[in-house]
Amino acid sequence: MIMEGLSFLISPPIAFIFFLAVAYLLYAAGKAMAPKLNPTGGKLTTYACGEDLPGVKVQFGFRLFYVFALFFTIMHVAVLVVATIPAGKIAWLAVIYLTVIFLAILALVSRS
């Protein structure tokens, strides 16, 4: 009976705000416990296995990412379509559809 009046506490926005506050309190406690930074010497420079590595700007390309994203999109849609084709005389269209999907994937892979 008491819980019926407090049921709004388990709604997603209230739960999100509650856990956001808990995360902030954990963050603040960790920040208070952490030692203070003394920027001396090479403390803030890049270090790898005893070598001093100069900082280099790296330009990432998303071309390969888009190829993989398009591949997985095509494959997921193909699986969804083939899985939902009804049984009967129309089922042979799945073979034609998979042939077209194969050609699309072949064009995608040969282009990159």
C-alpha atoms as a PDB file:
ATOM      1  CA  MET A   1       0.000   0.000   0.000  1.00  0.00           C
ATOM      2  CA  ILE A   2       2.854   2.369   0.766  1.00  0.00           C
ATOM      3  CA  MET A   3       4.686   1.370  -2.421  1.00  0.00           C
ATOM      4  CA  GLU A   4       1.721   2.319  -4.616  1.00  0.00           C
ATOM      5  CA  GLY A   5       2.241   5.985  -3.801  1.00  0.00           C
ATOM      6  CA  LEU A   6       5.998   5.758  -4.504  1.00  0.00           C
ATOM      7  CA  SER A   7       5.777   3.862  -7.802  1.00  0.00           C
ATOM      8  CA  PHE A   8       6.961   6.954  -9.715  1.00  0.00           C
ATOM      9  CA  LEU A   9      10.419   6.361  -8.213  1.00  0.00           C
ATOM     10  CA  ILE A  10      11.007   3.409 -10.522  1.00  0.00           C
ATOM     11  CA  SER A  11      10.154   5.319 -13.687  1.00  0.00           C
ATOM     12  CA  PRO A  12      13.055   5.533 -16.181  1.00  0.00           C
ATOM     13  CA  PRO A  13      13.674   9.326 -15.907  1.00  0.00           C
ATOM     14  CA  ILE A  14      13.788   9.223 -12.090  1.00  0.00           C
ATOM     15  CA  ALA A  15      16.007   6.111 -12.125  1.00  0.00           C
ATOM     16  CA  PHE A  16      18.329   7.778 -14.658  1.00  0.00           C
ATOM     17  CA  ILE A  17      18.662  10.903 -12.503  1.00  0.00           C
ATOM     18  CA  PHE A  18      19.257   8.767  -9.403  1.00  0.00           C
ATOM     19  CA  PHE A  19      22.015   6.687 -11.011  1.00  0.00           C
ATOM     20  CA  LEU A  20      23.533   9.783 -12.594  1.00  0.00           C
ATOM     21  CA  ALA A  21      23.807  11.286  -9.099  1.00  0.00           C
ATOM     22  CA  VAL A  22      25.331   8.045  -7.754  1.00  0.00           C
ATOM     23  CA  ALA A  23      27.896   8.038 -10.591  1.00  0.00           C
ATOM     24  CA  TYR A  24      28.786  11.666  -9.909  1.00  0.00           C
ATOM     25  CA  LEU A  25      29.246  10.929  -6.190  1.00  0.00           C
ATOM     26  CA  LEU A  26      31.568   8.021  -7.051  1.00  0.00           C
ATOM     27  CA  TYR A  27      33.488  10.281  -9.442  1.00  0.00           C
ATOM     28  CA  ALA A  28      33.814  13.007  -6.800  1.00  0.00           C
ATOM     29  CA  ALA A  29      34.964  10.491  -4.164  1.00  0.00           C
ATOM     30  CA  GLY A  30      37.604   9.114  -6.560  1.00  0.00           C
ATOM     31  CA  LYS A  31      38.801  12.600  -7.408  1.00  0.00           C
ATOM     32  CA  ALA A  32      39.110  13.463  -3.702  1.00  0.00           C
ATOM     33  CA  MET A  33      41.143  10.302  -3.007  1.00  0.00           C
ATOM     34  CA  ALA A  34      43.470  10.632  -6.006  1.00  0.00           C
ATOM     35  CA  PRO A  35      46.900  12.174  -5.502  1.00  0.00           C
ATOM     36  CA  LYS A  36      47.469  15.624  -6.950  1.00  0.00           C
ATOM     37  CA  LEU A  37      49.391  15.827 -10.226  1.00  0.00           C
ATOM     38  CA  ASN A  38      52.874  17.353 -10.195  1.00  0.00           C
ATOM     39  CA  PRO A  39      53.738  18.139 -13.841  1.00  0.00           C
ATOM     40  CA  THR A  40      57.475  17.389 -13.617  1.00  0.00           C
ATOM     41  CA  GLY A  41      59.838  16.170 -16.315  1.00  0.00           C
ATOM     42  CA  GLY A  42      58.387  13.761 -18.809  1.00  0.00           C
ATOM     43  CA  LYS A  43      55.340  12.828 -16.759  1.00  0.00           C
ATOM     44  CA  LEU A  44      52.882  14.049 -19.382  1.00  0.00           C
ATOM     45  CA  THR A  45      54.825  12.961 -22.493  1.00  0.00           C
ATOM     46  CA  THR A  46      54.210   9.857 -24.596  1.00  0.00           C
ATOM     47  CA  TYR A  47      56.149   6.795 -23.425  1.00  0.00           C
ATOM     48  CA  ALA A  48      56.407   3.327 -24.970  1.00  0.00           C
ATOM     49  CA  CYS A  49      58.862   0.645 -23.832  1.00  0.00           C
ATOM     50  CA  GLY A  50      61.647   3.059 -22.999  1.00  0.00           C
ATOM     51  CA  GLU A  51      61.394   5.016 -26.244  1.00  0.00           C
ATOM     52  CA  ASP A  52      60.510   8.661 -26.466  1.00  0.00           C
ATOM     53  CA  LEU A  53      57.928   8.922 -29.218  1.00  0.00           C
ATOM     54  CA  PRO A  54      57.285  12.274 -30.840  1.00  0.00           C
ATOM     55  CA  GLY A  55      53.649  13.324 -30.992  1.00  0.00           C
ATOM     56  CA  VAL A  56      52.196  12.884 -34.462  1.00  0.00           C
ATOM     57  CA  LYS A  57      48.790  13.905 -35.730  1.00  0.00           C
ATOM     58  CA  VAL A  58      46.970  10.899 -37.148  1.00  0.00           C
ATOM     59  CA  GLN A  59      44.192  11.335 -39.695  1.00  0.00           C
ATOM     60  CA  PHE A  60      41.745   8.460 -39.462  1.00  0.00           C
ATOM     61  CA  GLY A  61      39.756   7.459 -42.509  1.00  0.00           C
ATOM     62  CA  PHE A  62      36.264   6.080 -42.281  1.00  0.00           C
ATOM     63  CA  ARG A  63      36.185   4.583 -45.779  1.00  0.00           C
ATOM     64  CA  LEU A  64      36.774   1.030 -44.576  1.00  0.00           C
ATOM     65  CA  PHE A  65      34.272   1.511 -41.749  1.00  0.00           C
ATOM     66  CA  TYR A  66      31.551   2.495 -44.219  1.00  0.00           C
ATOM     67  CA  VAL A  67      32.294  -0.568 -46.355  1.00  0.00           C
ATOM     68  CA  PHE A  68      31.849  -2.857 -43.336  1.00  0.00           C
ATOM     69  CA  ALA A  69      28.775  -0.959 -42.144  1.00  0.00           C
ATOM     70  CA  LEU A  70      27.156  -1.268 -45.558  1.00  0.00           C
ATOM     71  CA  PHE A  71      28.091  -4.969 -45.728  1.00  0.00           C
ATOM     72  CA  PHE A  72      26.468  -5.740 -42.375  1.00  0.00           C
ATOM     73  CA  THR A  73      23.402  -3.652 -43.235  1.00  0.00           C
ATOM     74  CA  ILE A  74      22.921  -5.545 -46.495  1.00  0.00           C
ATOM     75  CA  MET A  75      23.404  -8.896 -44.768  1.00  0.00           C
ATOM     76  CA  HIS A  76      20.987  -8.114 -41.924  1.00  0.00           C
ATOM     77  CA  VAL A  77      18.286  -6.917 -44.299  1.00  0.00           C
ATOM     78  CA  ALA A  78      18.817 -10.005 -46.490  1.00  0.00           C
ATOM     79  CA  VAL A  79      18.429 -12.332 -43.512  1.00  0.00           C
ATOM     80  CA  LEU A  80      15.306 -10.490 -42.371  1.00  0.00           C
ATOM     81  CA  VAL A  81      13.705 -10.647 -45.817  1.00  0.00           C
ATOM     82  CA  VAL A  82      14.570 -14.302 -46.435  1.00  0.00           C
ATOM     83  CA  ALA A  83      13.418 -15.315 -42.951  1.00  0.00           C
ATOM     84  CA  THR A  84      10.020 -13.698 -43.476  1.00  0.00           C
ATOM     85  CA  ILE A  85       9.275 -15.015 -46.980  1.00  0.00           C
ATOM     86  CA  PRO A  86       6.127 -17.164 -46.786  1.00  0.00           C
ATOM     87  CA  ALA A  87       6.220 -20.811 -47.785  1.00  0.00           C
ATOM     88  CA  GLY A  88       4.711 -21.919 -51.057  1.00  0.00           C
ATOM     89  CA  LYS A  89       5.206 -21.016 -54.682  1.00  0.00           C
ATOM     90  CA  ILE A  90       6.632 -17.582 -53.837  1.00  0.00           C
ATOM     91  CA  ALA A  91       9.576 -19.065 -51.897  1.00  0.00           C
ATOM     92  CA  TRP A  92      11.689 -19.330 -55.070  1.00  0.00           C
ATOM     93  CA  LEU A  93      11.934 -15.527 -55.019  1.00  0.00           C
ATOM     94  CA  ALA A  94      14.310 -15.943 -52.067  1.00  0.00           C
ATOM     95  CA  VAL A  95      16.869 -17.505 -54.410  1.00  0.00           C
ATOM     96  CA  ILE A  96      16.602 -14.569 -56.824  1.00  0.00           C
ATOM     97  CA  TYR A  97      16.826 -12.126 -53.909  1.00  0.00           C
ATOM     98  CA  LEU A  98      19.914 -13.870 -52.509  1.00  0.00           C
ATOM     99  CA  THR A  99      21.518 -13.781 -55.973  1.00  0.00           C
ATOM    100  CA  VAL A 100      20.993 -10.014 -56.139  1.00  0.00           C
ATOM    101  CA  ILE A 101      22.390  -9.660 -52.607  1.00  0.00           C
ATOM    102  CA  PHE A 102      25.410 -11.752 -53.617  1.00  0.00           C
ATOM    103  CA  LEU A 103      26.053  -9.458 -56.588  1.00  0.00           C
ATOM    104  CA  ALA A 104      25.716  -6.369 -54.364  1.00  0.00           C
ATOM    105  CA  ILE A 105      28.218  -7.772 -51.848  1.00  0.00           C
ATOM    106  CA  LEU A 106      30.543  -8.758 -54.704  1.00  0.00           C
ATOM    107  CA  ALA A 107      30.420  -5.206 -56.096  1.00  0.00           C
ATOM    108  CA  LEU A 108      31.019  -3.764 -52.627  1.00  0.00           C
ATOM    109  CA  VAL A 109      34.018  -5.998 -51.904  1.00  0.00           C
ATOM    110  CA  SER A 110      35.631  -5.635 -55.337  1.00  0.00           C
ATOM    111  CA  ARG A 111      35.340  -1.836 -55.173  1.00  0.00           C
ATOM    112  CA  SER A 112      37.277  -1.395 -51.926  1.00  0.00           C
END
